[in-house]
């Protein structure tokens, strides 16, 4: 197995409210299995699945709606390593390689985190700075890179 194969392909999304661009409110969700860990919705890409297919499937699975407009895509795959306690449960993977999208909730979108297999127990809309303050330490570098890219592009 090559080092590349040790990273689980994943799609992740920065979701902005339907008040965007006048308000740049970013959706952040609290995991229900890790105490006080907040994150962007994300999930694995199934074998044979296109990245955008995974994006919309994961949105439905995690926040109960796929009614979004894709605003932008981070231009490259970005990776992080799992901390040891998580790596044990994710074998054979040592981390994730992700494709990030910036998406805007449509006017009629209704968020429902009480999905068939809930991953989150709470959510809120926050500023980009609050995202970095609340997110898990092992994801901070990725979050900072992606947020800074979208800021530089004038999108956040």
C-alpha atoms as a PDB file:
ATOM      1  CA  UNK A   1       0.000   0.000   0.000  1.00  0.00           C
ATOM      2  CA  UNK A   2       1.471   3.362  -1.025  1.00  0.00           C
ATOM      3  CA  UNK A   3       1.499   6.352   1.327  1.00  0.00           C
ATOM      4  CA  UNK A   4      -1.191   7.942  -0.870  1.00  0.00           C
ATOM      5  CA  UNK A   5      -3.452   4.936  -0.264  1.00  0.00           C
ATOM      6  CA  UNK A   6      -3.179   5.492   3.495  1.00  0.00           C
ATOM      7  CA  UNK A   7      -5.284   8.654   3.212  1.00  0.00           C
ATOM      8  CA  UNK A   8      -9.048   8.196   2.938  1.00  0.00           C
ATOM      9  CA  UNK A   9     -10.559  10.190   0.049  1.00  0.00           C
ATOM     10  CA  UNK A  10     -13.014  12.651   1.512  1.00  0.00           C
ATOM     11  CA  UNK A  11     -15.195  15.579   0.545  1.00  0.00           C
ATOM     12  CA  UNK A  12     -15.696  18.532   2.883  1.00  0.00           C
ATOM     13  CA  UNK A  13     -17.802  21.627   2.703  1.00  0.00           C
ATOM     14  CA  UNK A  14     -17.758  25.143   4.046  1.00  0.00           C
ATOM     15  CA  UNK A  15     -21.433  26.044   4.119  1.00  0.00           C
ATOM     16  CA  UNK A  16     -22.474  29.684   4.211  1.00  0.00           C
ATOM     17  CA  UNK A  17     -25.980  30.811   5.101  1.00  0.00           C
ATOM     18  CA  UNK A  18     -28.488  32.014   2.552  1.00  0.00           C
ATOM     19  CA  UNK A  19     -27.616  35.570   3.700  1.00  0.00           C
ATOM     20  CA  UNK A  20     -24.331  35.273   1.788  1.00  0.00           C
ATOM     21  CA  UNK A  21     -22.579  37.388   0.534  1.00  0.00           C
ATOM     22  CA  UNK A  22     -23.957  40.250   2.653  1.00  0.00           C
ATOM     23  CA  UNK A  23     -23.251  38.133   5.759  1.00  0.00           C
ATOM     24  CA  UNK A  24     -20.431  35.610   5.723  1.00  0.00           C
ATOM     25  CA  UNK A  25     -21.849  33.216   8.315  1.00  0.00           C
ATOM     26  CA  UNK A  26     -20.215  29.777   8.261  1.00  0.00           C
ATOM     27  CA  UNK A  27     -21.970  26.581   9.376  1.00  0.00           C
ATOM     28  CA  UNK A  28     -20.116  24.641  12.059  1.00  0.00           C
ATOM     29  CA  UNK A  29     -21.439  21.474  13.699  1.00  0.00           C
ATOM     30  CA  UNK A  30     -20.655  19.833  17.024  1.00  0.00           C
ATOM     31  CA  UNK A  31     -19.823  16.127  16.769  1.00  0.00           C
ATOM     32  CA  UNK A  32     -21.939  13.828  18.886  1.00  0.00           C
ATOM     33  CA  UNK A  33     -19.100  11.347  19.517  1.00  0.00           C
ATOM     34  CA  UNK A  34     -16.236  13.670  20.488  1.00  0.00           C
ATOM     35  CA  UNK A  35     -16.705  16.040  23.399  1.00  0.00           C
ATOM     36  CA  UNK A  36     -16.797  19.682  22.317  1.00  0.00           C
ATOM     37  CA  UNK A  37     -15.396  19.079  18.821  1.00  0.00           C
ATOM     38  CA  UNK A  38     -16.819  21.345  16.118  1.00  0.00           C
ATOM     39  CA  UNK A  39     -16.222  20.808  12.426  1.00  0.00           C
ATOM     40  CA  UNK A  40     -17.360  21.291   8.855  1.00  0.00           C
ATOM     41  CA  UNK A  41     -19.535  18.522   7.422  1.00  0.00           C
ATOM     42  CA  UNK A  42     -17.407  15.990   5.573  1.00  0.00           C
ATOM     43  CA  UNK A  43     -17.411  12.368   4.544  1.00  0.00           C
ATOM     44  CA  UNK A  44     -15.780   9.618   2.576  1.00  0.00           C
ATOM     45  CA  UNK A  45     -16.003   9.306  -1.163  1.00  0.00           C
ATOM     46  CA  UNK A  46     -17.320   5.880  -2.111  1.00  0.00           C
ATOM     47  CA  UNK A  47     -15.458   3.789  -4.675  1.00  0.00           C
ATOM     48  CA  UNK A  48     -16.577   4.812  -8.169  1.00  0.00           C
ATOM     49  CA  UNK A  49     -18.335   7.932  -6.866  1.00  0.00           C
ATOM     50  CA  UNK A  50     -17.584  11.336  -8.366  1.00  0.00           C
ATOM     51  CA  UNK A  51     -16.475  14.044  -5.926  1.00  0.00           C
ATOM     52  CA  UNK A  52     -19.551  16.233  -6.500  1.00  0.00           C
ATOM     53  CA  UNK A  53     -21.842  13.207  -6.112  1.00  0.00           C
ATOM     54  CA  UNK A  54     -20.217  12.597  -2.727  1.00  0.00           C
ATOM     55  CA  UNK A  55     -20.638  16.276  -1.852  1.00  0.00           C
ATOM     56  CA  UNK A  56     -24.413  16.203  -2.311  1.00  0.00           C
ATOM     57  CA  UNK A  57     -24.800  12.743  -0.714  1.00  0.00           C
ATOM     58  CA  UNK A  58     -22.827  13.817   2.357  1.00  0.00           C
ATOM     59  CA  UNK A  59     -24.832  17.029   2.683  1.00  0.00           C
ATOM     60  CA  UNK A  60     -28.052  14.990   2.795  1.00  0.00           C
ATOM     61  CA  UNK A  61     -26.592  12.431   5.199  1.00  0.00           C
ATOM     62  CA  UNK A  62     -25.109  14.973   7.607  1.00  0.00           C
ATOM     63  CA  UNK A  63     -27.353  18.054   7.554  1.00  0.00           C
ATOM     64  CA  UNK A  64     -30.518  16.709   5.951  1.00  0.00           C
ATOM     65  CA  UNK A  65     -30.437  18.914   2.849  1.00  0.00           C
ATOM     66  CA  UNK A  66     -28.550  19.129  -0.400  1.00  0.00           C
ATOM     67  CA  UNK A  67     -30.246  22.372  -1.421  1.00  0.00           C
ATOM     68  CA  UNK A  68     -27.079  24.379  -1.942  1.00  0.00           C
ATOM     69  CA  UNK A  69     -25.346  26.350  -4.640  1.00  0.00           C
ATOM     70  CA  UNK A  70     -21.677  25.523  -5.202  1.00  0.00           C
ATOM     71  CA  UNK A  71     -19.801  28.819  -5.085  1.00  0.00           C
ATOM     72  CA  UNK A  72     -16.210  27.594  -5.369  1.00  0.00           C
ATOM     73  CA  UNK A  73     -13.887  24.627  -5.014  1.00  0.00           C
ATOM     74  CA  UNK A  74     -10.516  24.577  -3.284  1.00  0.00           C
ATOM     75  CA  UNK A  75      -8.068  23.972  -6.170  1.00  0.00           C
ATOM     76  CA  UNK A  76      -6.264  20.928  -4.776  1.00  0.00           C
ATOM     77  CA  UNK A  77      -6.560  17.955  -2.466  1.00  0.00           C
ATOM     78  CA  UNK A  78      -5.498  18.770   1.093  1.00  0.00           C
ATOM     79  CA  UNK A  79      -4.614  16.177   3.753  1.00  0.00           C
ATOM     80  CA  UNK A  80      -4.311  15.749   7.475  1.00  0.00           C
ATOM     81  CA  UNK A  81      -3.310  12.926   9.808  1.00  0.00           C
ATOM     82  CA  UNK A  82      -5.640  11.447  12.378  1.00  0.00           C
ATOM     83  CA  UNK A  83      -4.608  11.709  16.039  1.00  0.00           C
ATOM     84  CA  UNK A  84      -3.712   8.258  17.459  1.00  0.00           C
ATOM     85  CA  UNK A  85      -7.069   7.678  19.220  1.00  0.00           C
ATOM     86  CA  UNK A  86      -8.975   8.232  15.972  1.00  0.00           C
ATOM     87  CA  UNK A  87      -6.431   6.464  13.732  1.00  0.00           C
ATOM     88  CA  UNK A  88      -7.067   3.219  15.624  1.00  0.00           C
ATOM     89  CA  UNK A  89     -10.718   3.248  14.569  1.00  0.00           C
ATOM     90  CA  UNK A  90     -10.015   4.261  10.954  1.00  0.00           C
ATOM     91  CA  UNK A  91      -7.508   1.568   9.957  1.00  0.00           C
ATOM     92  CA  UNK A  92      -5.957   1.102   7.452  1.00  0.00           C
ATOM     93  CA  UNK A  93      -6.086   4.890   6.989  1.00  0.00           C
ATOM     94  CA  UNK A  94      -3.720   7.251   8.809  1.00  0.00           C
ATOM     95  CA  UNK A  95      -5.553  10.385   7.712  1.00  0.00           C
ATOM     96  CA  UNK A  96      -7.804  11.940   5.120  1.00  0.00           C
ATOM     97  CA  UNK A  97      -7.200  13.688   1.841  1.00  0.00           C
ATOM     98  CA  UNK A  98     -10.004  16.117   1.169  1.00  0.00           C
ATOM     99  CA  UNK A  99     -11.602  18.115  -1.584  1.00  0.00           C
ATOM    100  CA  UNK A 100     -13.208  21.281  -0.193  1.00  0.00           C
ATOM    101  CA  UNK A 101     -16.192  23.170  -1.562  1.00  0.00           C
ATOM    102  CA  UNK A 102     -17.668  26.508  -0.569  1.00  0.00           C
ATOM    103  CA  UNK A 103     -21.448  26.178  -0.820  1.00  0.00           C
ATOM    104  CA  UNK A 104     -24.361  28.499  -0.072  1.00  0.00           C
ATOM    105  CA  UNK A 105     -27.626  27.263   1.409  1.00  0.00           C
ATOM    106  CA  UNK A 106     -30.539  27.979  -0.880  1.00  0.00           C
ATOM    107  CA  UNK A 107     -33.387  30.131   0.391  1.00  0.00           C
ATOM    108  CA  UNK A 108     -35.689  27.113   0.977  1.00  0.00           C
ATOM    109  CA  UNK A 109     -33.061  24.811   2.534  1.00  0.00           C
ATOM    110  CA  UNK A 110     -33.937  23.400   5.952  1.00  0.00           C
ATOM    111  CA  UNK A 111     -31.094  22.042   8.060  1.00  0.00           C
ATOM    112  CA  UNK A 112     -31.942  18.891   9.993  1.00  0.00           C
ATOM    113  CA  UNK A 113     -29.056  17.267  11.872  1.00  0.00           C
ATOM    114  CA  UNK A 114     -31.387  14.574  13.232  1.00  0.00           C
ATOM    115  CA  UNK A 115     -30.679  12.413  10.203  1.00  0.00           C
ATOM    116  CA  UNK A 116     -30.869   8.614   9.862  1.00  0.00           C
ATOM    117  CA  UNK A 117     -27.349   8.262  11.346  1.00  0.00           C
ATOM    118  CA  UNK A 118     -26.731  11.551  13.183  1.00  0.00           C
ATOM    119  CA  UNK A 119     -23.138  12.712  13.415  1.00  0.00           C
ATOM    120  CA  UNK A 120     -23.872  16.053  15.035  1.00  0.00           C
ATOM    121  CA  UNK A 121     -25.715  17.123  18.180  1.00  0.00           C
ATOM    122  CA  UNK A 122     -25.689  20.880  17.566  1.00  0.00           C
ATOM    123  CA  UNK A 123     -24.782  23.487  14.983  1.00  0.00           C
ATOM    124  CA  UNK A 124     -24.367  27.222  14.644  1.00  0.00           C
ATOM    125  CA  UNK A 125     -23.265  29.863  12.187  1.00  0.00           C
ATOM    126  CA  UNK A 126     -19.986  31.570  13.079  1.00  0.00           C
ATOM    127  CA  UNK A 127     -17.299  33.843  11.651  1.00  0.00           C
ATOM    128  CA  UNK A 128     -14.188  32.478   9.964  1.00  0.00           C
ATOM    129  CA  UNK A 129     -12.139  33.394  13.064  1.00  0.00           C
ATOM    130  CA  UNK A 130     -14.542  31.492  15.325  1.00  0.00           C
ATOM    131  CA  UNK A 131     -14.170  28.412  13.101  1.00  0.00           C
ATOM    132  CA  UNK A 132     -10.454  28.318  13.856  1.00  0.00           C
ATOM    133  CA  UNK A 133     -11.050  28.844  17.570  1.00  0.00           C
ATOM    134  CA  UNK A 134     -13.660  26.056  17.870  1.00  0.00           C
ATOM    135  CA  UNK A 135     -12.262  23.417  15.514  1.00  0.00           C
ATOM    136  CA  UNK A 136     -10.274  20.332  16.475  1.00  0.00           C
ATOM    137  CA  UNK A 137      -6.543  20.983  16.751  1.00  0.00           C
ATOM    138  CA  UNK A 138      -5.622  18.273  14.217  1.00  0.00           C
ATOM    139  CA  UNK A 139      -7.802  19.979  11.557  1.00  0.00           C
ATOM    140  CA  UNK A 140      -6.786  23.598  12.250  1.00  0.00           C
ATOM    141  CA  UNK A 141      -4.023  23.783   9.609  1.00  0.00           C
ATOM    142  CA  UNK A 142      -6.355  22.477   6.886  1.00  0.00           C
ATOM    143  CA  UNK A 143      -9.195  24.768   7.977  1.00  0.00           C
ATOM    144  CA  UNK A 144      -6.869  27.756   8.063  1.00  0.00           C
ATOM    145  CA  UNK A 145      -5.474  27.000   4.583  1.00  0.00           C
ATOM    146  CA  UNK A 146      -8.910  26.576   3.040  1.00  0.00           C
ATOM    147  CA  UNK A 147     -10.437  29.618   4.758  1.00  0.00           C
ATOM    148  CA  UNK A 148      -7.439  31.785   3.839  1.00  0.00           C
ATOM    149  CA  UNK A 149      -7.681  30.677   0.210  1.00  0.00           C
ATOM    150  CA  UNK A 150     -11.379  31.599   0.015  1.00  0.00           C
ATOM    151  CA  UNK A 151     -10.649  34.917   1.773  1.00  0.00           C
ATOM    152  CA  UNK A 152      -7.877  35.698  -0.726  1.00  0.00           C
ATOM    153  CA  UNK A 153     -10.328  34.972  -3.530  1.00  0.00           C
ATOM    154  CA  UNK A 154     -12.741  37.499  -1.946  1.00  0.00           C
ATOM    155  CA  UNK A 155     -15.292  34.800  -1.113  1.00  0.00           C
ATOM    156  CA  UNK A 156     -15.062  34.837   2.709  1.00  0.00           C
END
